[in-house]
Protein backbone atom coordinates (compact mmCIF):
# COMPACT_ATOMS: atom_id res chain seq x y z
CA UNK A 1 104.20 123.23 97.35
CA UNK A 2 106.58 124.75 94.87
CA UNK A 3 104.88 126.27 91.84
CA UNK A 4 106.83 127.22 88.71
CA UNK A 5 105.64 128.36 85.29
CA UNK A 6 107.19 127.58 81.91
CA UNK A 7 109.31 124.66 83.08
CA UNK A 8 109.46 122.64 79.86
CA UNK A 9 110.91 123.91 76.60
CA UNK A 10 108.63 124.20 73.58
CA UNK A 11 110.53 121.32 71.96
CA UNK A 12 109.92 119.02 74.94
CA UNK A 13 106.25 120.03 75.06
CA UNK A 14 105.84 119.24 71.34
CA UNK A 15 107.63 115.90 71.80
CA UNK A 16 105.22 115.03 74.63
CA UNK A 17 102.24 115.95 72.43
CA UNK A 18 103.62 113.84 69.57
CA UNK A 19 104.24 110.91 71.90
CA UNK A 20 100.65 111.16 73.13
CA UNK A 21 99.19 111.24 69.63
CA UNK A 22 101.38 108.39 68.38
CA UNK A 23 100.87 106.11 71.39
CA UNK A 24 97.08 106.22 71.67
CA UNK A 25 96.66 103.13 69.50
CA UNK A 26 99.52 101.28 71.14
CA UNK A 27 99.30 98.73 73.94
CA UNK A 28 101.23 100.88 76.43
CA UNK A 29 98.43 102.38 78.53
CA UNK A 30 97.35 101.32 82.02
CA UNK A 31 94.16 102.34 83.80
CA UNK A 32 93.81 103.70 87.35
CA UNK A 33 90.95 101.34 88.20
CA UNK A 34 93.35 98.41 88.02
CA UNK A 35 96.36 99.94 89.78
CA UNK A 36 95.31 102.67 92.19
CA UNK A 37 94.45 101.87 95.78
CA UNK A 38 90.73 102.31 96.52
CA UNK A 39 91.57 105.19 98.88
CA UNK A 40 92.65 107.24 95.83
CA UNK A 41 89.31 106.79 94.04
CA UNK A 42 86.84 107.94 96.72
CA UNK A 43 84.08 110.01 95.11
CA UNK A 44 85.24 109.60 91.51
CA UNK A 45 83.71 107.27 88.96
CA UNK A 46 86.04 107.96 86.03
CA UNK A 47 89.43 106.56 85.15
CA UNK A 48 92.85 107.93 84.48
CA UNK A 49 94.95 106.25 81.82
CA UNK A 50 98.70 106.41 82.12
CA UNK A 51 101.88 105.36 80.37
CA UNK A 52 105.57 105.58 81.26
CA UNK A 53 107.92 107.88 79.41
CA UNK A 54 111.29 106.29 78.75
CA UNK A 55 114.50 107.00 76.91
CA UNK A 56 115.22 110.37 75.35
CA UNK A 57 111.80 111.87 76.11
CA UNK A 58 112.05 110.99 79.80
CA UNK A 59 115.60 112.36 79.92
CA UNK A 60 114.64 115.62 78.20
CA UNK A 61 111.79 116.18 80.71
CA UNK A 62 114.16 115.54 83.63
CA UNK A 63 116.79 117.89 82.17
CA UNK A 64 114.22 120.70 82.06
CA UNK A 65 113.49 120.14 85.76
CA UNK A 66 117.10 119.92 87.01
CA UNK A 67 117.20 123.45 88.40
CA UNK A 68 113.79 123.10 90.11
CA UNK A 69 114.01 119.79 92.00
CA UNK A 70 115.89 118.53 95.03
CA UNK A 71 118.54 115.81 94.63
CA UNK A 72 117.02 112.40 93.95
CA UNK A 73 118.01 108.76 93.45
CA UNK A 74 115.45 107.76 90.85
CA UNK A 75 112.68 109.39 88.85
CA UNK A 76 109.58 107.88 87.30
CA UNK A 77 107.95 109.94 84.54
CA UNK A 78 104.43 109.18 83.35
CA UNK A 79 101.92 110.77 81.00
CA UNK A 80 98.38 110.84 82.45
CA UNK A 81 95.10 111.27 80.59
CA UNK A 82 92.35 112.32 83.04
CA UNK A 83 88.97 111.26 81.63
CA UNK A 84 85.61 112.80 82.43
CA UNK A 85 84.50 111.97 86.01
CA UNK A 86 88.10 111.17 87.03
CA UNK A 87 90.03 112.73 89.88
CA UNK A 88 92.08 111.58 92.83
CA UNK A 89 91.20 111.71 96.52
CA UNK A 90 93.24 113.48 99.20
CA UNK A 91 96.56 111.66 99.67
CA UNK A 92 100.29 112.13 100.13
CA UNK A 93 103.00 110.71 97.87
CA UNK A 94 104.36 108.12 100.31
CA UNK A 95 107.68 109.81 100.94
CA UNK A 96 108.42 110.61 97.30
CA UNK A 97 108.57 114.09 95.79
CA UNK A 98 105.51 114.28 93.55
CA UNK A 99 105.54 116.61 90.57
CA UNK A 100 102.77 117.52 88.13
CA UNK A 101 103.20 119.45 84.88
CA UNK A 102 100.03 120.53 83.08
CA UNK A 103 99.87 119.97 79.33
CA UNK A 104 96.50 121.41 78.26
CA UNK A 105 97.04 124.65 76.37
CA UNK A 106 93.62 125.78 77.59
CA UNK A 107 91.63 124.61 80.60
CA UNK A 108 88.38 126.14 81.83
CA UNK A 109 88.06 126.18 85.62
CA UNK A 110 84.47 124.95 85.20
CA UNK A 111 85.80 121.68 83.78
CA UNK A 112 87.13 120.65 87.22
CA UNK A 113 90.49 118.92 87.55
CA UNK A 114 91.51 121.54 90.11
CA UNK A 115 94.61 120.82 92.20
CA UNK A 116 93.93 121.24 95.94
CA UNK A 117 96.43 120.87 98.77
CA UNK A 118 96.56 121.29 102.53
CA UNK A 119 99.48 123.55 103.48
CA UNK A 120 98.99 122.77 107.17
CA UNK A 121 96.97 125.91 107.82
CA UNK A 122 94.36 125.96 105.05
CA UNK A 123 93.31 124.32 101.83
CA UNK A 124 94.77 125.95 98.72
CA UNK A 125 93.72 125.47 95.09
CA UNK A 126 95.21 125.94 91.61
CA UNK A 127 93.54 125.84 88.23
CA UNK A 128 95.68 123.85 85.76
CA UNK A 129 97.79 126.21 83.65
CA UNK A 130 99.75 125.14 80.57
CA UNK A 131 103.37 124.22 81.35
CA UNK A 132 102.98 124.93 85.08
CA UNK A 133 104.77 122.63 87.54
CA UNK A 134 103.54 121.83 91.04
CA UNK A 135 106.21 120.10 93.11
CA UNK A 136 105.40 118.54 96.48
CA UNK A 137 108.63 118.25 98.47
CA UNK A 138 106.97 118.46 101.91
CA UNK A 139 104.70 115.41 101.56
CA UNK A 140 101.64 117.68 101.82
CA UNK A 141 98.21 116.09 101.39
CA UNK A 142 96.69 116.94 98.02
CA UNK A 143 93.98 115.92 95.57
CA UNK A 144 92.50 116.65 92.13
CA UNK A 145 88.80 117.48 91.86
CA UNK A 146 86.66 115.45 89.49
CA UNK A 147 86.89 116.38 85.81
CA UNK A 148 83.43 117.51 84.72
CA UNK A 149 81.40 115.24 82.42
CA UNK A 150 80.91 118.44 80.37
CA UNK A 151 84.63 119.19 79.89
CA UNK A 152 85.57 119.85 76.27
CA UNK A 153 88.81 117.89 76.53
CA UNK A 154 90.72 115.32 78.51
CA UNK A 155 93.05 116.73 81.17
CA UNK A 156 96.68 115.92 80.28
CA UNK A 157 99.54 115.91 82.79
CA UNK A 158 103.04 114.67 83.27
CA UNK A 159 103.43 112.99 86.65
CA UNK A 160 106.94 112.62 88.00
CA UNK A 161 107.92 110.90 91.23
CA UNK A 162 111.37 111.47 92.62
CA UNK A 163 112.84 109.08 95.19
CA UNK A 164 114.76 111.34 97.59
CA UNK A 165 118.44 110.78 98.30
């Protein structure tokens, strides 16, 4: 895993927040229960809602990541809202480079939503930190622990999948 802090500019972060606020009432959100394979939902009862970022916002996110990512053919950029009781079971990204950027300005470790991965020798864990990027270029197995039903907020992330060259 490659871990970098402060990857998005303040302008891009604010644009993502504005997009989130403005799109909540729109018919652009999908839900994990309908689209995720059952193997990704083992042990979690909650849902993740997601929407694609397109156009200028997608491009501005990708421009911020240019110096951090390997060459790629295509990129899919999505905004995820992790609800209480949601998480994702141990999995790999099916040959794509998976990238997560955390958007919560504050996140208490007791709220769950912890990123865990297997580096081949041991399990490692990271508490979500604002504007931190985790990039999986080695197809390492990883998961997100269940968001606590007592969390004070949703867990917000950008999820980017790069198709390697």
